[in-house]
Amino acid sequence: MWRKNPLVTHRDELKRRTEAKKKTQPQTPIPRRLAPAIRRLEATFHFQANDDFRRRELVYGRRAAALFYFRGIADEDQIERAIIRPISLIKDGGRTHDPLRDQRLTALDIVVLETMEAVENALVDGHPVLLIDRLRRAYAFNLDDYPVRNIDKPTNENVLKGPQEGFTERLETNIALLRRYVRSPDLIVRRREIGQKNRTGIVVAYIQSLANPHLVADIESRLDAIEALEYDWVKSVEQLIEERPYSLLPSMLTTERPDRAMAHLMEGHVVILQDNLPYAFIAPATYWNVFHASEDHYQRLPYAWFIRSIRTIAFFLTLLTPGLYIAATNYHVEMIPLDLLMSISGSREVVPFPAVLEVFLMELSFELIREASVRIPSQIGPTIGIVGALILGQAAVQAGLVSPILVIVVAITGLASFTQPDLSLNLALRIGRFAFLVASALLGFLGLSLLLAVTLAYAVSFKSFGVGYYAPWAPYTPSSQDVFLRRPAPEETTLPQALLLRTKTRLDASGFFALFGRLSRRRAEKRAQAEGAGRSGRVGR
């Protein structure tokens, strides 16, 4: 049995701990005098050691003031022009000045801070903070200037037809891209921060009128569980909120394209954005979501049918081709035509290894070449991959280590794997074909069929955030039937009802025994009622 993610299993307890921690966590108010606040900030941010931490001493009217910011992540030109220069022109010290009411600063986006913890968080986020003597408040200015990458084409999702822009590492930019594509007042964007020493911004986006509220509450409860565990740094929120961390099937879809995220939002999915990551997570993700490509809906209907047909054939070629070759050559040679059988036998006459070991070594060599071509610098990576595969295959055939027919089998398998648009599905197929290879080596076509049936049964029972992995086919729910072959665009008007039907997840051991106990008690009660009715009948006679 696959192990559940402990964050998901115990998320109710972790949420309770989070709420208790928020109630007991002390908050230090800003002191009335400026000197203690300056000493704390200098100690917290290591003023003597940090060369980029700046403190500017100012006079606000006749009161001492201090402006703190980090050089490089705050716009110093804007600070000088919009904050320091207007404050230096204030000469009236008889009144208690408030930057929120000062006409010289009203054009700025100012946030009032009440605690020292809020001041420290604002500085880390790149906002300059102004502290004034004898005021128990601080003022943060939205003048951060983090270096960001310009909006460019997606690197992992090649765009053949459609918008030529992708997400960036800046969370605010990704939110703006999402708002640009989803121009609806029902789009809800909820932001939160996770982590203790290094806070990570997380955004949960959904359309209020389309998303299932139970699904949204489920995702937010899982995020609460992450906060309760006090993570110092969240690398990928996907691995922390998924239910089956050991499963090969991806339960969330990853995309770099805002238009693809918009399409899933319009179907009722929930989009999760994480700061410093140039892609979005989409939940829940069914098999059809990871199988489809964005270009399928930008192409005309016959072209989309042809592309999906090729992708479906390539799916089975990637998963089953090595296993079929082993099963046919080792157990079911009578199924191979005589001329082809003689050709295969002749090519393997000088090969010293069994067919299973031969296939395994070639598949492993192909995976080594593929991984090396990814890690090598991009200028020579594709060249190394092509040349390495040609040289290695030709040298292995000439040396008599492998047969030429096996090189063709491995090449077809490798090329077919590249047709899958989602990286997670691609990796699942690449790993799964080794399991089918072992099953074919043990029992031939029988082992291949048994493993295929077990895999299909597991995939049908698998649920992503309570939604069946093969929905709307298994279980069947009304939808636009955009599965293997899509419908014409004017007919794709039915939203997938599977996202609105909350199905229960698989029971763990405690849930199973609890259900078994309830059924046993019900049977005992019915038996007692039947016996009581029988006695009353006999007494009446």
Protein backbone atom coordinates (compact mmCIF):
# COMPACT_ATOMS: atom_id res chain seq x y z
CA MET A 1 0.00 0.00 0.00
CA TRP A 2 1.27 3.42 -0.89
CA ARG A 3 2.13 5.59 2.10
CA LYS A 4 0.21 8.82 2.52
CA ASN A 5 1.91 12.13 2.97
CA PRO A 6 2.01 12.72 6.76
CA LEU A 7 1.28 16.40 6.18
CA VAL A 8 -2.03 15.44 4.60
CA THR A 9 -2.87 12.64 7.04
CA HIS A 10 -2.47 14.81 10.14
CA ARG A 11 -3.38 18.20 8.69
CA ASP A 12 -6.25 18.75 11.15
CA GLU A 13 -3.92 18.31 14.12
CA LEU A 14 -1.28 20.49 12.47
CA LYS A 15 -3.85 23.21 11.77
CA ARG A 16 -4.81 23.21 15.44
CA ARG A 17 -1.15 23.56 16.41
CA THR A 18 -0.77 26.45 13.96
CA GLU A 19 -3.69 28.34 15.48
CA ALA A 20 -2.35 27.74 19.01
CA LYS A 21 1.10 28.91 17.95
CA LYS A 22 -0.29 32.13 16.47
CA LYS A 23 -2.08 32.86 19.74
CA THR A 24 1.01 32.27 21.90
CA GLN A 25 3.64 33.83 19.60
CA PRO A 26 4.77 37.09 21.22
CA GLN A 27 4.62 40.32 19.23
CA THR A 28 6.93 43.15 20.25
CA PRO A 29 5.35 46.60 19.91
CA ILE A 30 7.42 49.42 18.46
CA PRO A 31 9.04 51.36 21.34
CA ARG A 32 8.19 55.00 21.81
CA ARG A 33 11.83 56.06 21.72
CA LEU A 34 13.81 55.69 18.53
CA ALA A 35 17.08 54.44 20.05
CA PRO A 36 15.84 51.00 21.26
CA ALA A 37 14.24 50.30 17.88
CA ILE A 38 17.47 51.22 16.08
CA ARG A 39 19.51 48.95 18.34
CA ARG A 40 17.19 45.99 17.74
CA LEU A 41 17.19 46.40 13.95
CA GLU A 42 20.98 46.76 13.85
CA ALA A 43 21.38 43.62 15.94
CA THR A 44 18.84 41.63 13.93
CA PHE A 45 20.29 42.50 10.53
CA HIS A 46 23.96 42.54 11.66
CA PHE A 47 24.52 46.18 10.79
CA GLN A 48 28.29 46.06 11.31
CA ALA A 49 28.76 43.01 9.04
CA ASN A 50 26.18 43.74 6.33
CA ASP A 51 27.51 46.23 3.81
CA ASP A 52 24.19 46.48 1.96
CA PHE A 53 22.09 47.30 5.04
CA ARG A 54 21.56 51.07 5.11
CA ARG A 55 20.47 53.43 7.89
CA ARG A 56 19.75 57.06 7.03
CA GLU A 57 19.33 59.47 9.97
CA LEU A 58 16.72 62.14 9.23
CA VAL A 59 14.86 64.95 10.96
CA TYR A 60 11.08 64.83 10.52
CA GLY A 61 10.07 68.37 11.48
CA ARG A 62 11.95 68.64 14.77
CA ARG A 63 11.86 64.93 15.55
CA ALA A 64 14.62 62.43 14.99
CA ALA A 65 13.83 59.77 12.41
CA ALA A 66 15.64 56.84 10.81
CA LEU A 67 15.12 55.23 7.43
CA PHE A 68 16.23 51.62 6.96
CA TYR A 69 16.50 49.70 3.70
CA PHE A 70 18.66 47.20 1.83
CA ARG A 71 20.73 48.51 -1.01
CA GLY A 72 20.11 46.56 -4.21
CA ILE A 73 16.57 45.42 -3.45
CA ALA A 74 15.21 48.92 -2.82
CA ASP A 75 15.21 51.67 -5.43
CA GLU A 76 17.66 54.22 -4.00
CA ASP A 77 16.82 56.87 -6.59
CA GLN A 78 13.15 56.67 -5.66
CA ILE A 79 14.04 56.73 -1.96
CA GLU A 80 16.09 59.90 -2.38
CA ARG A 81 13.53 61.64 -4.58
CA ALA A 82 10.25 60.51 -2.99
CA ILE A 83 11.15 60.14 0.72
CA ILE A 84 14.36 61.80 1.87
CA ARG A 85 14.06 65.04 -0.12
CA PRO A 86 10.38 65.78 0.86
CA ILE A 87 11.11 65.01 4.52
CA SER A 88 14.08 67.38 4.52
CA LEU A 89 11.76 70.23 3.44
CA ILE A 90 9.53 69.83 6.51
CA LYS A 91 10.41 72.57 9.00
CA ASP A 92 7.32 72.74 11.18
CA GLY A 93 7.92 70.84 14.41
CA GLY A 94 5.05 72.14 16.49
CA ARG A 95 2.57 69.51 15.31
CA THR A 96 2.69 65.73 15.43
CA HIS A 97 3.38 64.84 11.84
CA ASP A 98 1.95 61.71 10.27
CA PRO A 99 3.36 60.52 6.92
CA LEU A 100 -0.08 59.24 5.96
CA ARG A 101 -1.43 62.82 6.11
CA ASP A 102 1.61 64.61 4.80
CA GLN A 103 0.87 66.04 1.37
CA ARG A 104 4.45 65.52 0.29
CA LEU A 105 4.21 61.72 0.78
CA THR A 106 0.59 60.91 -0.05
CA ALA A 107 1.53 59.84 -3.58
CA LEU A 108 3.43 56.86 -2.15
CA ASP A 109 2.02 53.47 -1.20
CA ILE A 110 2.48 53.55 2.60
CA VAL A 111 1.72 50.70 5.02
CA VAL A 112 1.48 51.29 8.78
CA LEU A 113 3.38 48.77 10.94
CA GLU A 114 2.60 48.21 14.61
CA THR A 115 5.22 45.61 15.71
CA MET A 116 8.94 45.12 15.34
CA GLU A 117 8.35 41.72 13.70
CA ALA A 118 6.33 43.46 10.98
CA VAL A 119 9.16 45.98 10.50
CA GLU A 120 11.70 43.17 10.06
CA ASN A 121 9.49 41.33 7.56
CA ALA A 122 8.95 44.52 5.55
CA LEU A 123 12.71 45.14 5.35
CA VAL A 124 13.33 41.57 4.19
CA ASP A 125 10.70 42.04 1.48
CA GLY A 126 12.67 45.03 0.18
CA HIS A 127 10.47 47.86 1.50
CA PRO A 128 12.15 50.92 3.07
CA VAL A 129 10.90 51.51 6.62
CA LEU A 130 10.71 54.90 8.37
CA LEU A 131 10.74 55.14 12.18
CA ILE A 132 10.02 58.46 13.97
CA ASP A 133 10.86 59.31 17.55
CA ARG A 134 7.90 59.37 19.98
CA LEU A 135 5.65 57.51 17.50
CA ARG A 136 4.74 53.91 18.24
CA ARG A 137 4.26 53.21 14.55
CA ALA A 138 6.53 52.60 11.58
CA TYR A 139 5.85 53.26 7.91
CA ALA A 140 6.84 50.95 5.06
CA PHE A 141 7.04 52.28 1.49
CA ASN A 142 6.39 50.09 -1.52
CA LEU A 143 9.63 50.92 -3.33
CA ASP A 144 11.21 47.47 -3.63
CA ASP A 145 13.33 46.90 -6.72
CA TYR A 146 14.26 43.24 -6.83
CA PRO A 147 16.14 42.23 -10.00
CA VAL A 148 13.74 40.17 -12.10
CA ARG A 149 13.82 38.35 -15.41
CA ASN A 150 11.81 39.77 -18.25
CA ILE A 151 8.75 37.89 -19.50
CA ASP A 152 10.02 35.45 -22.11
CA LYS A 153 8.95 32.32 -23.96
CA PRO A 154 8.41 29.16 -21.90
CA THR A 155 11.58 27.06 -21.93
CA ASN A 156 10.16 23.60 -21.18
CA GLU A 157 6.82 23.94 -22.99
CA ASN A 158 7.61 24.78 -26.57
CA VAL A 159 4.92 27.01 -28.07
CA LEU A 160 3.89 26.01 -31.58
CA LYS A 161 0.69 28.02 -31.70
CA GLY A 162 -0.56 30.35 -28.99
CA PRO A 163 0.73 33.10 -26.68
CA GLN A 164 4.51 33.37 -26.58
CA GLU A 165 5.01 34.28 -22.91
CA GLY A 166 5.56 32.39 -19.70
CA PHE A 167 5.68 32.88 -15.96
CA THR A 168 8.72 34.42 -14.25
CA GLU A 169 10.28 34.04 -10.81
CA ARG A 170 8.54 37.14 -9.44
CA LEU A 171 5.23 36.38 -7.75
CA GLU A 172 3.67 39.79 -8.42
CA THR A 173 4.43 39.47 -12.14
CA ASN A 174 2.83 36.02 -12.27
CA ILE A 175 -0.28 37.33 -10.52
CA ALA A 176 -0.47 40.17 -13.04
CA LEU A 177 -0.15 37.70 -15.93
CA LEU A 178 -2.94 35.61 -14.46
CA ARG A 179 -5.15 38.69 -14.04
CA ARG A 180 -4.39 39.67 -17.62
CA TYR A 181 -5.69 36.37 -18.98
CA VAL A 182 -8.57 35.92 -16.52
CA ARG A 183 -10.44 39.21 -16.72
CA SER A 184 -13.21 38.30 -14.34
CA PRO A 185 -14.28 39.85 -11.02
CA ASP A 186 -14.77 36.30 -9.67
CA LEU A 187 -11.03 35.56 -9.74
CA ILE A 188 -9.91 35.22 -6.12
CA VAL A 189 -6.20 35.54 -5.27
CA ARG A 190 -5.20 34.65 -1.71
CA ARG A 191 -1.61 35.21 -0.65
CA ARG A 192 0.17 33.73 2.34
CA GLU A 193 3.75 33.21 3.52
CA ILE A 194 5.31 29.95 4.65
CA GLY A 195 8.60 29.47 6.45
CA GLN A 196 10.37 30.79 9.51
CA LYS A 197 13.89 31.95 8.67
CA ASN A 198 13.22 32.28 4.96
CA ARG A 199 9.62 33.16 4.20
CA THR A 200 8.19 31.95 0.89
CA GLY A 201 5.21 33.61 -0.74
CA ILE A 202 2.38 31.29 -1.82
CA VAL A 203 -0.70 32.32 -3.83
CA VAL A 204 -3.89 30.29 -4.17
CA ALA A 205 -6.01 31.45 -7.12
CA TYR A 206 -9.44 30.22 -8.20
CA ILE A 207 -12.68 31.49 -9.70
CA GLN A 208 -15.30 31.90 -7.01
CA SER A 209 -18.28 30.91 -9.15
CA LEU A 210 -16.62 27.80 -10.65
CA ALA A 211 -14.31 26.26 -8.05
CA ASN A 212 -15.58 23.72 -5.54
CA PRO A 213 -15.39 25.35 -2.08
CA HIS A 214 -14.50 21.97 -0.51
CA LEU A 215 -11.54 21.69 -2.86
CA VAL A 216 -10.33 25.18 -1.96
CA ALA A 217 -10.71 24.46 1.76
CA ASP A 218 -8.82 21.17 1.35
CA ILE A 219 -5.85 22.87 -0.33
CA GLU A 220 -5.74 25.67 2.23
CA SER A 221 -5.80 23.16 5.10
CA ARG A 222 -2.78 21.42 3.59
CA LEU A 223 -0.96 24.72 3.39
CA ASP A 224 -1.81 25.29 7.06
CA ALA A 225 -0.14 21.97 7.81
CA ILE A 226 3.07 23.20 6.18
CA GLU A 227 3.05 26.30 8.37
CA ALA A 228 2.61 24.15 11.49
CA LEU A 229 5.78 22.18 10.75
CA GLU A 230 7.87 25.39 10.75
CA TYR A 231 9.71 24.83 7.48
CA ASP A 232 12.75 27.08 7.14
CA TRP A 233 12.54 26.99 3.35
CA VAL A 234 9.90 25.61 0.99
CA LYS A 235 11.55 24.30 -2.16
CA SER A 236 8.39 23.11 -3.90
CA VAL A 237 4.94 23.30 -2.38
CA GLU A 238 3.82 20.49 -4.71
CA GLN A 239 5.76 17.84 -2.76
CA LEU A 240 4.34 19.01 0.57
CA ILE A 241 0.62 18.97 -0.20
CA GLU A 242 0.28 15.94 -2.49
CA GLU A 243 -1.36 12.84 -1.02
CA ARG A 244 0.81 10.07 -2.52
CA PRO A 245 4.49 11.13 -2.47
CA TYR A 246 5.67 7.65 -3.54
CA SER A 247 3.30 7.26 -6.47
CA LEU A 248 4.53 7.59 -10.05
CA LEU A 249 1.28 9.27 -11.08
CA PRO A 250 1.44 13.07 -10.78
CA SER A 251 -1.41 14.51 -8.72
CA MET A 252 -0.69 18.12 -9.74
CA LEU A 253 -0.05 19.66 -13.13
CA THR A 254 2.91 22.00 -13.63
CA THR A 255 2.83 24.61 -16.37
CA GLU A 256 4.87 27.63 -17.44
CA ARG A 257 2.11 29.09 -19.58
CA PRO A 258 -0.42 31.60 -18.21
CA ASP A 259 -2.93 30.69 -20.92
CA ARG A 260 -2.89 27.06 -19.80
CA ALA A 261 -3.40 28.10 -16.18
CA MET A 262 -6.30 30.30 -17.32
CA ALA A 263 -7.91 27.39 -19.18
CA HIS A 264 -7.85 25.22 -16.06
CA LEU A 265 -9.19 28.05 -13.90
CA MET A 266 -12.16 28.32 -16.22
CA GLU A 267 -12.83 24.61 -15.65
CA GLY A 268 -12.90 24.94 -11.85
CA HIS A 269 -9.32 24.00 -10.99
CA VAL A 270 -7.20 25.76 -8.36
CA VAL A 271 -3.88 27.36 -9.36
CA ILE A 272 -1.03 27.64 -6.86
CA LEU A 273 1.84 30.07 -7.47
CA GLN A 274 5.07 30.06 -5.50
CA ASP A 275 7.58 32.86 -5.24
CA ASN A 276 10.90 32.27 -7.05
CA LEU A 277 9.40 29.53 -9.28
CA PRO A 278 8.59 30.33 -12.94
CA TYR A 279 5.63 28.00 -13.21
CA ALA A 280 2.24 27.30 -11.65
CA PHE A 281 0.81 24.21 -9.95
CA ILE A 282 -2.71 23.17 -10.94
CA ALA A 283 -4.87 20.99 -8.71
CA PRO A 284 -6.47 18.58 -9.11
CA ALA A 285 -4.75 16.97 -12.10
CA THR A 286 -6.29 14.02 -13.91
CA TYR A 287 -4.65 11.88 -16.57
CA TRP A 288 -6.28 13.91 -19.32
CA ASN A 289 -4.84 17.15 -17.95
CA VAL A 290 -1.26 15.86 -18.11
CA PHE A 291 -1.87 14.06 -21.41
CA HIS A 292 -3.23 17.09 -23.27
CA ALA A 293 -1.04 19.84 -24.70
CA SER A 294 -1.93 23.51 -24.94
CA GLU A 295 -1.65 23.46 -28.74
CA ASP A 296 -4.49 20.94 -28.96
CA HIS A 297 -7.04 23.72 -28.52
CA TYR A 298 -5.27 26.19 -30.81
CA GLN A 299 -5.18 23.72 -33.74
CA ARG A 300 -8.09 22.97 -36.02
CA LEU A 301 -10.10 19.87 -35.17
CA PRO A 302 -8.61 17.36 -37.70
CA TYR A 303 -5.08 18.46 -36.81
CA ALA A 304 -5.78 18.06 -33.09
CA TRP A 305 -7.23 14.57 -33.67
CA PHE A 306 -4.14 13.50 -35.60
CA ILE A 307 -1.71 14.88 -33.00
CA ARG A 308 -3.54 13.22 -30.10
CA SER A 309 -3.70 9.91 -31.97
CA ILE A 310 0.06 9.99 -32.48
CA ARG A 311 0.56 10.87 -28.80
CA THR A 312 -1.68 7.98 -27.70
CA ILE A 313 0.25 5.48 -29.83
CA ALA A 314 3.52 6.88 -28.51
CA PHE A 315 2.25 6.43 -24.92
CA PHE A 316 1.90 2.67 -25.37
CA LEU A 317 5.11 2.40 -27.41
CA THR A 318 7.07 4.02 -24.58
CA LEU A 319 5.56 1.81 -21.92
CA LEU A 320 5.32 -1.58 -23.66
CA THR A 321 7.80 -1.85 -26.54
CA PRO A 322 10.81 -3.28 -24.60
CA GLY A 323 8.54 -5.68 -22.72
CA LEU A 324 6.83 -6.86 -25.91
CA TYR A 325 10.21 -7.51 -27.51
CA ILE A 326 11.39 -9.63 -24.56
CA ALA A 327 8.11 -11.54 -24.29
CA ALA A 328 8.04 -12.31 -28.03
CA THR A 329 11.68 -13.40 -28.33
CA ASN A 330 11.86 -15.43 -25.08
CA TYR A 331 8.40 -16.98 -24.64
CA HIS A 332 6.28 -16.60 -27.76
CA VAL A 333 8.56 -17.07 -30.74
CA GLU A 334 5.75 -18.86 -32.62
CA MET A 335 3.96 -15.50 -32.93
CA ILE A 336 6.83 -13.96 -34.90
CA PRO A 337 6.85 -14.45 -38.69
CA LEU A 338 9.49 -16.92 -39.79
CA ASP A 339 11.52 -14.47 -41.89
CA LEU A 340 11.61 -11.91 -39.06
CA LEU A 341 12.47 -14.64 -36.54
CA MET A 342 15.39 -15.80 -38.67
CA SER A 343 16.60 -12.19 -38.98
CA ILE A 344 16.43 -11.65 -35.21
CA SER A 345 18.16 -14.96 -34.49
CA GLY A 346 20.90 -14.20 -37.00
CA SER A 347 21.56 -10.75 -35.56
CA ARG A 348 21.75 -12.17 -32.01
CA GLU A 349 23.99 -15.08 -32.92
CA VAL A 350 27.19 -13.34 -31.77
CA VAL A 351 25.66 -11.48 -28.82
CA PRO A 352 27.03 -12.94 -25.55
CA PHE A 353 24.27 -11.62 -23.26
CA PRO A 354 20.71 -12.81 -22.70
CA ALA A 355 18.03 -10.71 -24.35
CA VAL A 356 16.82 -9.32 -21.02
CA LEU A 357 20.25 -8.09 -19.98
CA GLU A 358 20.84 -6.75 -23.48
CA VAL A 359 17.65 -4.66 -23.39
CA PHE A 360 18.32 -3.46 -19.86
CA LEU A 361 21.87 -2.30 -20.72
CA MET A 362 20.71 -0.46 -23.84
CA GLU A 363 17.83 1.24 -22.04
CA LEU A 364 20.15 2.29 -19.22
CA SER A 365 22.69 3.63 -21.75
CA PHE A 366 19.98 5.65 -23.46
CA GLU A 367 18.91 7.13 -20.11
CA LEU A 368 22.53 8.03 -19.34
CA ILE A 369 22.87 9.84 -22.66
CA ARG A 370 19.59 11.67 -22.11
CA GLU A 371 20.56 12.79 -18.61
CA ALA A 372 24.04 13.84 -19.74
CA SER A 373 22.62 15.92 -22.60
CA VAL A 374 20.47 17.81 -20.07
CA ARG A 375 23.37 18.58 -17.70
CA ILE A 376 25.86 19.55 -20.42
CA PRO A 377 25.82 23.28 -21.39
CA SER A 378 22.99 24.04 -23.77
CA GLN A 379 25.28 24.95 -26.67
CA ILE A 380 26.61 21.40 -27.04
CA GLY A 381 23.97 19.38 -25.17
CA PRO A 382 21.81 18.32 -28.17
CA THR A 383 24.91 17.60 -30.24
CA ILE A 384 26.37 15.36 -27.54
CA GLY A 385 23.08 13.50 -27.22
CA ILE A 386 22.74 12.77 -30.94
CA VAL A 387 26.42 11.97 -31.57
CA GLY A 388 26.67 9.91 -28.37
CA ALA A 389 23.66 7.78 -29.28
CA LEU A 390 24.90 7.18 -32.84
CA ILE A 391 28.46 6.35 -31.83
CA LEU A 392 27.45 4.19 -28.88
CA GLY A 393 24.85 2.23 -30.85
CA GLN A 394 27.09 1.69 -33.87
CA ALA A 395 30.08 0.68 -31.74
CA ALA A 396 27.97 -1.74 -29.68
CA VAL A 397 26.62 -3.43 -32.83
CA GLN A 398 30.06 -3.74 -34.42
CA ALA A 399 31.52 -5.15 -31.22
CA GLY A 400 28.79 -7.80 -31.08
CA LEU A 401 27.46 -6.63 -27.70
CA VAL A 402 23.92 -5.87 -28.93
CA SER A 403 21.84 -6.77 -31.96
CA PRO A 404 20.80 -4.21 -34.58
CA ILE A 405 17.10 -4.94 -34.02
CA LEU A 406 17.47 -3.97 -30.36
CA VAL A 407 18.95 -0.60 -31.31
CA ILE A 408 15.80 0.03 -33.36
CA VAL A 409 13.57 -0.99 -30.43
CA VAL A 410 15.37 1.31 -28.00
CA ALA A 411 15.37 4.20 -30.48
CA ILE A 412 11.61 3.86 -31.08
CA THR A 413 10.98 3.75 -27.34
CA GLY A 414 13.12 6.83 -26.71
CA LEU A 415 11.58 8.86 -29.52
CA ALA A 416 8.06 7.96 -28.41
CA SER A 417 8.77 9.18 -24.88
CA PHE A 418 9.56 12.68 -26.16
CA THR A 419 6.01 13.12 -27.45
CA GLN A 420 4.52 13.40 -23.94
CA PRO A 421 3.94 17.10 -23.15
CA ASP A 422 4.20 16.80 -19.35
CA LEU A 423 7.58 16.09 -17.73
CA SER A 424 6.06 14.17 -14.81
CA LEU A 425 4.14 11.84 -17.13
CA ASN A 426 7.28 11.41 -19.23
CA LEU A 427 9.30 10.33 -16.18
CA ALA A 428 6.51 8.01 -15.01
CA LEU A 429 6.52 6.22 -18.37
CA ARG A 430 10.31 5.98 -18.44
CA ILE A 431 10.37 4.39 -14.98
CA GLY A 432 7.33 2.20 -15.63
CA ARG A 433 8.79 0.58 -18.73
CA PHE A 434 11.51 -1.05 -16.60
CA ALA A 435 8.77 -2.67 -14.47
CA PHE A 436 7.07 -4.01 -17.60
CA LEU A 437 10.45 -5.22 -18.82
CA VAL A 438 10.92 -7.30 -15.64
CA ALA A 439 7.35 -8.66 -15.80
CA SER A 440 7.85 -9.75 -19.41
CA ALA A 441 11.15 -11.42 -18.56
CA LEU A 442 9.47 -13.46 -15.80
CA LEU A 443 6.15 -14.51 -17.36
CA GLY A 444 6.09 -13.27 -20.92
CA PHE A 445 2.80 -11.90 -22.23
CA LEU A 446 1.06 -13.19 -19.09
CA GLY A 447 3.26 -11.07 -16.84
CA LEU A 448 2.86 -8.09 -19.16
CA SER A 449 -0.94 -8.43 -19.12
CA LEU A 450 -1.11 -8.90 -15.35
CA LEU A 451 1.03 -5.84 -14.65
CA LEU A 452 -0.96 -3.79 -17.16
CA ALA A 453 -4.22 -4.80 -15.45
CA VAL A 454 -2.81 -3.97 -11.99
CA THR A 455 -1.52 -0.61 -13.25
CA LEU A 456 -4.86 0.25 -14.82
CA ALA A 457 -6.75 -0.74 -11.66
CA TYR A 458 -4.45 1.39 -9.52
CA ALA A 459 -4.75 4.36 -11.87
CA VAL A 460 -8.56 4.13 -11.85
CA SER A 461 -8.64 4.00 -8.04
CA PHE A 462 -6.10 6.82 -7.71
CA LYS A 463 -7.55 10.18 -6.68
CA SER A 464 -6.10 13.64 -6.99
CA PHE A 465 -7.58 15.86 -4.26
CA GLY A 466 -10.67 13.67 -4.17
CA VAL A 467 -11.18 13.56 -7.96
CA GLY A 468 -10.85 10.30 -9.90
CA TYR A 469 -7.70 10.15 -12.01
CA TYR A 470 -9.57 9.00 -15.13
CA ALA A 471 -12.61 11.22 -14.64
CA PRO A 472 -14.83 11.94 -16.55
CA TRP A 473 -14.55 8.34 -17.88
CA ALA A 474 -13.95 6.45 -14.63
CA PRO A 475 -16.04 7.42 -12.78
CA TYR A 476 -18.24 8.78 -15.52
CA THR A 477 -19.40 12.36 -15.05
CA PRO A 478 -20.93 14.87 -17.50
CA SER A 479 -18.31 16.97 -19.31
CA SER A 480 -17.40 18.20 -22.78
CA GLN A 481 -15.76 14.77 -23.41
CA ASP A 482 -12.41 16.38 -24.20
CA VAL A 483 -10.41 13.19 -23.57
CA PHE A 484 -8.79 11.21 -26.39
CA LEU A 485 -10.40 13.22 -29.20
CA ARG A 486 -11.70 16.70 -28.49
CA ARG A 487 -15.02 18.01 -29.67
CA PRO A 488 -15.57 21.02 -31.96
CA ALA A 489 -15.01 24.29 -30.15
CA PRO A 490 -18.69 25.42 -30.19
CA GLU A 491 -19.68 22.17 -28.42
CA GLU A 492 -17.14 22.43 -25.59
CA THR A 493 -19.47 24.26 -23.26
CA THR A 494 -19.99 21.69 -20.47
CA LEU A 495 -17.78 22.14 -17.44
CA PRO A 496 -16.25 18.95 -15.95
CA GLN A 497 -18.64 17.89 -13.19
CA ALA A 498 -15.98 15.65 -11.60
CA LEU A 499 -14.49 18.70 -9.89
CA LEU A 500 -17.81 19.43 -8.20
CA LEU A 501 -18.44 15.87 -6.97
CA ARG A 502 -16.40 15.31 -3.82
CA THR A 503 -15.53 11.59 -3.63
CA LYS A 504 -14.00 10.07 -0.54
CA THR A 505 -10.34 9.18 -0.62
CA ARG A 506 -9.12 5.65 -0.01
CA LEU A 507 -9.55 4.52 3.59
CA ASP A 508 -6.50 3.88 5.70
CA ALA A 509 -6.33 1.05 8.27
CA SER A 510 -8.12 2.92 11.06
CA GLY A 511 -10.87 4.06 8.72
CA PHE A 512 -11.34 0.54 7.40
CA PHE A 513 -11.73 -1.00 10.85
CA ALA A 514 -14.10 1.81 11.87
CA LEU A 515 -16.26 1.12 8.80
CA PHE A 516 -16.11 -2.62 9.47
CA GLY A 517 -17.24 -2.06 13.07
CA ARG A 518 -20.20 0.05 11.96
CA LEU A 519 -21.30 -2.61 9.45
CA SER A 520 -20.99 -5.34 12.09
CA ARG A 521 -23.12 -3.35 14.54
CA ARG A 522 -25.78 -2.75 11.89
CA ARG A 523 -25.94 -6.45 11.04
CA ALA A 524 -26.22 -7.33 14.73
CA GLU A 525 -29.06 -4.82 15.19
CA LYS A 526 -30.95 -6.19 12.16
CA ARG A 527 -30.48 -9.76 13.38
CA ALA A 528 -31.78 -8.78 16.83
CA GLN A 529 -34.79 -7.04 15.28
CA ALA A 530 -35.54 -10.09 13.13
CA GLU A 531 -35.29 -12.41 16.12
CA GLY A 532 -37.52 -10.10 18.15
CA ALA A 533 -40.10 -10.03 15.36
CA GLY A 534 -40.01 -13.84 15.20
CA ARG A 535 -40.61 -14.21 18.92
CA SER A 536 -43.52 -11.77 18.86
CA GLY A 537 -45.10 -13.75 16.03
CA ARG A 538 -44.81 -17.03 17.88
CA VAL A 539 -46.26 -15.48 21.03
CA GLY A 540 -49.24 -14.17 19.06
CA ARG A 541 -49.99 -17.63 17.71
